[in-house]
Amino acid sequence: MTSHAPDEPLAADAIRAAADAARQALAGSDALRALSHDLSTLGTLDATVERGLQAALTVARAAGAMIAGRPGEQLSGLVVLGALGREARLYRVGDVLGERDPQVAVARSAEARATADLEGGPQAAPDPRRPRPHRPGAMVPMRFGSVVTGVLTVSGPDAAWPAPSPDTLLLLQAVADQVAAAISGLRLRGELLTRLDQIDALGRVAHALTGVEDADRTTHFLAEEGMRVFGAERSAVFLLNKAPPSASCLARVGLSADYAQAFERQFHALPSAQALREGRPVFLEHARRDFASPMAAAVQAEGYASAALLPLVFANETIGILAARRQTERIGA
């Protein structure tokens, strides 16, 4: 008589594992449906990122989640847009991830990665700004069409936490792509509103310039319009002189005289000077972090976080600059 008793515990374990996987898949599908609905109702970047992180925690049954996005052309790497749970103890909003952070490698390769230790890859390097605990997890690229716009990271509570399965990675990828599309939509809408504001402001400026003969009033008007268009708290208008090459402040609103004088002295040493002379606008999205800039000390003393520099062009030649400064950082698309 043959007995199958020794196999019964194995069969029971397999059934429990299958049932657990089915429950997780169902919970993940429900989380995705809820995420899709909620993202369509949110109107801010912070709320969109927060909702995506919550969905990622549910889908992966993780202890922490973090979303990092591309900061734009002014800064390489990725910027942390939000973090929850365990990841929030390691990353803060605004942290810049450098070339040796594993998320940057995922953004470059556009390939998802599940690992027993997020910090154990050969590309990772110790960062004295934060601890490097052993933590299993996964990273998936955030894609908007064919463009990788960021990386979603999830991590487990301890070394015993199993790394996400291929099916879970697919669910995480769906979360990441939905959030990427929502963030890109918010940015596109914000850019459209900004363009409409700019067109409206240009109309008012053109109308004002036809009837204003006082140069001081005109330049002050330009500075005020620059603040309104970019939602800035400070602005200035600078005249560019050819011989000798220099910049002169014609009007300033909210900016200190010390800062205006520093800009006058350092303008032609700035990396942005050539672009402005060629008639191209420059957006400094993380001004406080650019410690290599000749203006670094002046920026720190003035305290602003981001800036927009617009060339004032006449007869195909840049004759001046409209500079607007904001207290908050601007995350580029």
Protein backbone atom coordinates (compact mmCIF):
# COMPACT_ATOMS: atom_id res chain seq x y z
CA MET A 1 0.00 0.00 0.00
CA THR A 2 1.49 3.32 -1.12
CA SER A 3 1.18 6.40 1.06
CA HIS A 4 1.34 10.00 -0.23
CA ALA A 5 1.41 11.58 3.22
CA PRO A 6 4.95 13.01 2.89
CA ASP A 7 3.87 14.93 -0.22
CA GLU A 8 0.81 16.49 1.37
CA PRO A 9 2.67 19.36 3.14
CA LEU A 10 4.39 20.24 -0.14
CA ALA A 11 1.09 20.26 -1.99
CA ALA A 12 -0.50 22.43 0.71
CA ASP A 13 2.41 24.87 0.53
CA ALA A 14 2.04 25.09 -3.25
CA ILE A 15 -1.69 25.75 -2.96
CA ARG A 16 -1.13 28.46 -0.37
CA ALA A 17 1.57 30.07 -2.53
CA ALA A 18 -0.70 30.02 -5.58
CA ALA A 19 -3.58 31.50 -3.60
CA ASP A 20 -1.31 34.21 -2.20
CA ALA A 21 -0.04 35.07 -5.69
CA ALA A 22 -3.61 35.26 -6.97
CA ARG A 23 -4.63 37.57 -4.12
CA GLN A 24 -1.62 39.80 -4.78
CA ALA A 25 -2.39 39.94 -8.51
CA LEU A 26 -6.02 40.85 -7.76
CA ALA A 27 -4.97 43.54 -5.28
CA GLY A 28 -2.51 44.88 -7.85
CA SER A 29 -5.18 45.03 -10.55
CA ASP A 30 -7.56 46.83 -8.19
CA ALA A 31 -4.80 49.29 -7.25
CA LEU A 32 -4.13 50.01 -10.93
CA ARG A 33 -7.80 50.68 -11.67
CA ALA A 34 -8.08 53.01 -8.68
CA LEU A 35 -4.86 54.77 -9.68
CA SER A 36 -6.08 55.37 -13.22
CA HIS A 37 -9.28 56.95 -11.89
CA ASP A 38 -7.57 59.08 -9.24
CA LEU A 39 -4.82 60.45 -11.48
CA SER A 40 -7.40 61.97 -13.80
CA THR A 41 -8.76 64.04 -10.88
CA LEU A 42 -5.46 65.37 -9.48
CA GLY A 43 -4.13 68.75 -10.50
CA THR A 44 -0.73 69.08 -8.81
CA LEU A 45 2.63 67.34 -9.13
CA ASP A 46 2.85 66.57 -5.40
CA ALA A 47 -0.58 64.93 -5.29
CA THR A 48 0.15 62.90 -8.44
CA VAL A 49 3.48 61.62 -7.11
CA GLU A 50 1.97 60.80 -3.69
CA ARG A 51 -0.84 58.79 -5.28
CA GLY A 52 1.60 56.89 -7.48
CA LEU A 53 3.74 56.00 -4.48
CA GLN A 54 0.73 54.68 -2.59
CA ALA A 55 -0.21 52.46 -5.54
CA ALA A 56 3.35 51.16 -5.82
CA LEU A 57 3.39 50.18 -2.13
CA THR A 58 0.15 48.24 -2.61
CA VAL A 59 1.18 46.52 -5.84
CA ALA A 60 4.58 45.38 -4.53
CA ARG A 61 3.55 44.95 -0.87
CA ALA A 62 6.62 47.05 -0.19
CA ALA A 63 7.85 48.99 2.84
CA GLY A 64 9.01 52.00 0.88
CA ALA A 65 8.68 53.72 -2.48
CA MET A 66 10.41 56.63 -4.21
CA ILE A 67 9.88 58.47 -7.49
CA ALA A 68 12.69 60.39 -9.17
CA GLY A 69 12.21 62.47 -12.30
CA ARG A 70 14.45 64.14 -14.84
CA PRO A 71 15.20 67.75 -13.81
CA GLY A 72 15.65 69.12 -17.34
CA GLU A 73 18.64 70.35 -19.29
CA GLN A 74 20.24 72.42 -16.54
CA LEU A 75 21.18 69.48 -14.30
CA SER A 76 22.18 65.90 -15.05
CA GLY A 77 20.85 62.85 -13.24
CA LEU A 78 17.49 62.60 -11.48
CA VAL A 79 15.70 64.62 -8.80
CA VAL A 80 13.60 62.99 -6.06
CA LEU A 81 9.98 64.04 -6.52
CA GLY A 82 8.55 62.09 -3.59
CA ALA A 83 9.18 59.21 -1.17
CA LEU A 84 7.14 57.16 1.30
CA GLY A 85 7.90 54.65 4.05
CA ARG A 86 11.40 53.26 4.22
CA GLU A 87 12.57 55.26 1.20
CA ALA A 88 11.48 58.51 2.87
CA ARG A 89 14.14 57.87 5.54
CA LEU A 90 16.81 57.76 2.83
CA TYR A 91 15.64 60.36 0.32
CA ARG A 92 14.09 63.81 0.60
CA VAL A 93 12.17 65.70 -2.04
CA GLY A 94 14.68 67.70 -4.06
CA ASP A 95 17.63 65.34 -3.52
CA VAL A 96 19.73 65.06 -6.68
CA LEU A 97 20.71 61.51 -7.66
CA GLY A 98 24.15 61.46 -9.24
CA GLU A 99 25.82 59.35 -11.88
CA ARG A 100 26.59 56.50 -9.47
CA ASP A 101 23.07 56.09 -8.10
CA PRO A 102 21.46 52.86 -9.37
CA GLN A 103 18.30 54.69 -10.49
CA VAL A 104 20.33 56.62 -13.06
CA ALA A 105 21.50 53.35 -14.63
CA VAL A 106 17.88 52.19 -14.90
CA ALA A 107 16.87 55.49 -16.49
CA ARG A 108 19.63 55.06 -19.08
CA SER A 109 18.92 51.41 -19.90
CA ALA A 110 15.11 51.76 -19.69
CA GLU A 111 15.06 48.24 -18.22
CA ALA A 112 13.34 47.21 -14.98
CA ARG A 113 15.51 45.66 -12.30
CA ALA A 114 14.66 43.48 -9.28
CA THR A 115 17.51 42.81 -6.86
CA ALA A 116 18.29 41.44 -3.42
CA ASP A 117 20.13 44.69 -2.62
CA LEU A 118 19.37 48.00 -4.33
CA GLU A 119 22.75 49.39 -3.26
CA GLY A 120 24.75 46.29 -4.16
CA GLY A 121 25.25 46.89 -7.88
CA PRO A 122 28.68 47.61 -9.33
CA GLN A 123 27.57 51.07 -10.42
CA ALA A 124 26.55 52.12 -6.89
CA ALA A 125 28.97 54.14 -4.78
CA PRO A 126 28.81 55.20 -1.11
CA ASP A 127 27.12 58.55 -0.58
CA PRO A 128 28.09 60.24 2.69
CA ARG A 129 24.82 62.20 2.71
CA ARG A 130 22.67 59.18 3.52
CA PRO A 131 23.00 55.66 4.98
CA ARG A 132 23.27 52.68 2.66
CA PRO A 133 21.33 49.87 4.37
CA HIS A 134 20.87 46.51 2.74
CA ARG A 135 17.44 46.56 1.16
CA PRO A 136 15.87 44.30 -1.46
CA GLY A 137 13.68 45.98 -4.01
CA ALA A 138 13.00 46.89 -7.59
CA MET A 139 13.41 49.85 -9.93
CA VAL A 140 11.33 50.42 -13.07
CA PRO A 141 11.67 53.19 -15.67
CA MET A 142 8.83 55.71 -15.92
CA ARG A 143 7.99 56.02 -19.61
CA PHE A 144 5.97 58.58 -21.50
CA GLY A 145 5.80 57.22 -25.02
CA SER A 146 9.37 56.34 -25.96
CA VAL A 147 10.93 58.75 -23.46
CA VAL A 148 12.08 57.72 -19.97
CA THR A 149 11.05 60.57 -17.67
CA GLY A 150 12.06 59.05 -14.33
CA VAL A 151 12.38 55.93 -12.17
CA LEU A 152 10.03 54.31 -9.63
CA THR A 153 11.81 52.46 -6.79
CA VAL A 154 10.25 50.12 -4.20
CA SER A 155 11.98 48.38 -1.30
CA GLY A 156 11.15 45.71 1.25
CA PRO A 157 11.24 45.90 5.05
CA ASP A 158 14.20 43.54 5.50
CA ALA A 159 16.46 41.02 3.81
CA ALA A 160 13.79 38.28 4.11
CA TRP A 161 11.43 40.21 1.82
CA PRO A 162 11.24 38.47 -1.57
CA ALA A 163 12.18 40.62 -4.56
CA PRO A 164 9.20 41.35 -6.85
CA SER A 165 8.31 38.60 -9.31
CA PRO A 166 8.12 39.22 -13.08
CA ASP A 167 4.34 39.61 -12.79
CA THR A 168 4.73 42.16 -10.01
CA LEU A 169 7.32 44.03 -12.08
CA LEU A 170 4.77 44.29 -14.88
CA LEU A 171 2.26 45.79 -12.45
CA LEU A 172 4.87 48.22 -11.15
CA GLN A 173 5.71 49.17 -14.73
CA ALA A 174 2.04 49.97 -15.32
CA VAL A 175 2.01 52.17 -12.20
CA ALA A 176 5.19 53.95 -13.31
CA ASP A 177 3.90 54.58 -16.84
CA GLN A 178 0.55 55.91 -15.60
CA VAL A 179 2.30 58.33 -13.23
CA ALA A 180 4.75 59.37 -15.96
CA ALA A 181 1.86 60.18 -18.30
CA ALA A 182 0.04 62.15 -15.58
CA ILE A 183 3.16 64.16 -14.68
CA SER A 184 3.89 64.90 -18.34
CA GLY A 185 0.28 66.00 -18.81
CA LEU A 186 0.54 68.39 -15.85
CA ARG A 187 3.75 69.85 -17.22
CA LEU A 188 2.35 70.25 -20.71
CA ARG A 189 -0.74 71.96 -19.32
CA GLY A 190 1.44 74.21 -17.18
CA GLU A 191 3.61 75.09 -20.17
CA LEU A 192 0.52 75.91 -22.25
CA LEU A 193 -0.84 78.21 -19.53
CA THR A 194 2.57 79.84 -19.24
CA ARG A 195 2.70 80.40 -23.01
CA LEU A 196 -0.77 81.96 -22.96
CA ASP A 197 0.29 84.24 -20.10
CA GLN A 198 3.41 85.17 -22.03
CA ILE A 199 1.44 86.00 -25.16
CA ASP A 200 -0.93 88.13 -23.09
CA ALA A 201 2.01 89.86 -21.40
CA LEU A 202 3.75 90.49 -24.72
CA GLY A 203 0.59 92.14 -26.01
CA ARG A 204 0.48 94.45 -23.00
CA VAL A 205 4.18 95.20 -23.29
CA ALA A 206 3.91 96.01 -27.00
CA HIS A 207 0.95 98.27 -26.33
CA ALA A 208 2.77 100.00 -23.49
CA LEU A 209 5.96 100.52 -25.49
CA THR A 210 4.06 102.39 -28.21
CA GLY A 211 2.86 104.99 -25.74
CA VAL A 212 5.60 105.25 -23.12
CA GLU A 213 8.45 107.69 -23.60
CA ASP A 214 9.93 107.41 -20.11
CA ALA A 215 12.70 104.77 -20.23
CA ASP A 216 12.63 104.25 -16.46
CA ARG A 217 8.90 103.57 -16.45
CA THR A 218 9.25 101.22 -19.43
CA THR A 219 11.99 99.08 -17.90
CA HIS A 220 10.17 98.96 -14.55
CA PHE A 221 7.03 97.83 -16.40
CA LEU A 222 9.03 95.03 -18.09
CA ALA A 223 10.38 93.87 -14.73
CA GLU A 224 6.88 93.74 -13.23
CA GLU A 225 5.49 91.81 -16.21
CA GLY A 226 8.36 89.32 -15.92
CA MET A 227 7.38 88.63 -12.31
CA ARG A 228 3.73 88.11 -13.25
CA VAL A 229 4.37 85.78 -16.18
CA PHE A 230 6.74 83.48 -14.27
CA GLY A 231 5.04 83.67 -10.88
CA ALA A 232 8.27 85.17 -9.54
CA GLU A 233 8.92 87.30 -6.48
CA ARG A 234 11.91 89.23 -7.88
CA SER A 235 12.96 90.51 -11.28
CA ALA A 236 15.29 92.89 -13.04
CA VAL A 237 16.07 94.32 -16.47
CA PHE A 238 19.72 94.51 -17.53
CA LEU A 239 21.21 96.37 -20.50
CA LEU A 240 24.09 94.65 -22.33
CA ASN A 241 26.95 96.89 -23.35
CA LYS A 242 29.34 96.00 -26.16
CA ALA A 243 32.44 97.99 -25.30
CA PRO A 244 33.62 97.19 -22.82
CA PRO A 245 31.49 94.00 -22.49
CA SER A 246 29.31 94.51 -19.44
CA ALA A 247 25.76 94.41 -18.08
CA SER A 248 23.98 97.35 -16.42
CA CYS A 249 20.89 97.06 -14.21
CA LEU A 250 18.16 99.42 -15.47
CA ALA A 251 15.35 98.33 -13.14
CA ARG A 252 14.90 95.83 -10.32
CA VAL A 253 11.92 94.69 -8.27
CA GLY A 254 12.59 92.73 -5.09
CA LEU A 255 16.26 92.10 -5.92
CA SER A 256 18.95 93.61 -3.71
CA ALA A 257 21.44 96.15 -5.01
CA ASP A 258 24.30 93.81 -3.98
CA TYR A 259 22.90 91.02 -6.14
CA ALA A 260 22.37 93.35 -9.12
CA GLN A 261 25.98 94.54 -8.85
CA ALA A 262 27.25 90.94 -8.64
CA PHE A 263 25.28 90.08 -11.79
CA GLU A 264 26.72 93.10 -13.58
CA ARG A 265 30.27 92.02 -12.70
CA GLN A 266 29.87 88.29 -13.39
CA PHE A 267 27.45 88.15 -16.32
CA HIS A 268 30.03 87.56 -19.06
CA ALA A 269 31.58 84.71 -17.05
CA LEU A 270 28.26 82.84 -16.74
CA PRO A 271 27.66 79.69 -18.83
CA SER A 272 24.27 81.13 -19.82
CA ALA A 273 25.75 84.34 -21.25
CA GLN A 274 26.46 82.89 -24.70
CA ALA A 275 22.95 81.45 -25.08
CA LEU A 276 21.42 84.79 -24.12
CA ARG A 277 23.64 86.70 -26.52
CA GLU A 278 22.42 84.34 -29.25
CA GLY A 279 18.82 85.18 -28.38
CA ARG A 280 17.97 81.94 -26.55
CA PRO A 281 16.17 81.96 -23.17
CA VAL A 282 17.75 80.18 -20.20
CA PHE A 283 15.89 78.49 -17.33
CA LEU A 284 17.88 77.79 -14.15
CA GLU A 285 15.76 75.20 -12.39
CA HIS A 286 17.97 74.54 -9.35
CA ALA A 287 19.97 77.73 -8.94
CA ARG A 288 20.98 77.09 -5.32
CA ARG A 289 22.60 73.78 -6.27
CA ASP A 290 24.92 75.21 -8.93
CA PHE A 291 27.93 75.76 -6.66
CA ALA A 292 30.29 76.00 -9.65
CA SER A 293 28.60 79.15 -10.94
CA PRO A 294 30.46 82.48 -10.55
CA MET A 295 27.17 83.71 -9.06
CA ALA A 296 26.92 80.92 -6.45
CA ALA A 297 27.70 83.12 -3.44
CA ALA A 298 25.33 85.86 -4.60
CA VAL A 299 22.55 83.33 -5.22
CA GLN A 300 22.96 81.84 -1.75
CA ALA A 301 22.89 85.31 -0.17
CA GLU A 302 19.85 86.38 -2.18
CA GLY A 303 18.04 83.14 -1.37
CA TYR A 304 16.10 82.43 -4.57
CA ALA A 305 15.75 78.89 -5.92
CA SER A 306 15.14 79.15 -9.69
CA ALA A 307 15.32 81.76 -12.43
CA ALA A 308 14.23 82.56 -15.98
CA LEU A 309 16.51 84.72 -18.15
CA LEU A 310 14.95 86.08 -21.33
CA PRO A 311 16.94 87.92 -24.02
CA LEU A 312 15.61 91.30 -25.13
CA VAL A 313 16.27 91.36 -28.87
CA PHE A 314 16.27 94.33 -31.23
CA ALA A 315 17.29 94.11 -34.91
CA ASN A 316 18.52 90.51 -34.38
CA GLU A 317 20.80 91.56 -31.55
CA THR A 318 20.41 90.92 -27.82
CA ILE A 319 20.46 94.32 -26.19
CA GLY A 320 19.31 93.33 -22.72
CA ILE A 321 17.99 90.65 -20.37
CA LEU A 322 14.76 90.26 -18.44
CA ALA A 323 15.55 88.15 -15.36
CA ALA A 324 12.85 86.69 -13.09
CA ARG A 325 13.67 84.83 -9.85
CA ARG A 326 11.43 82.43 -7.93
CA GLN A 327 11.57 81.28 -4.31
CA THR A 328 10.71 77.69 -5.33
CA GLU A 329 12.53 75.32 -7.64
CA ARG A 330 11.16 74.63 -11.09
CA ILE A 331 11.22 70.93 -12.30
CA GLY A 332 11.60 70.91 -15.95
CA ALA A 333 9.97 68.46 -18.33
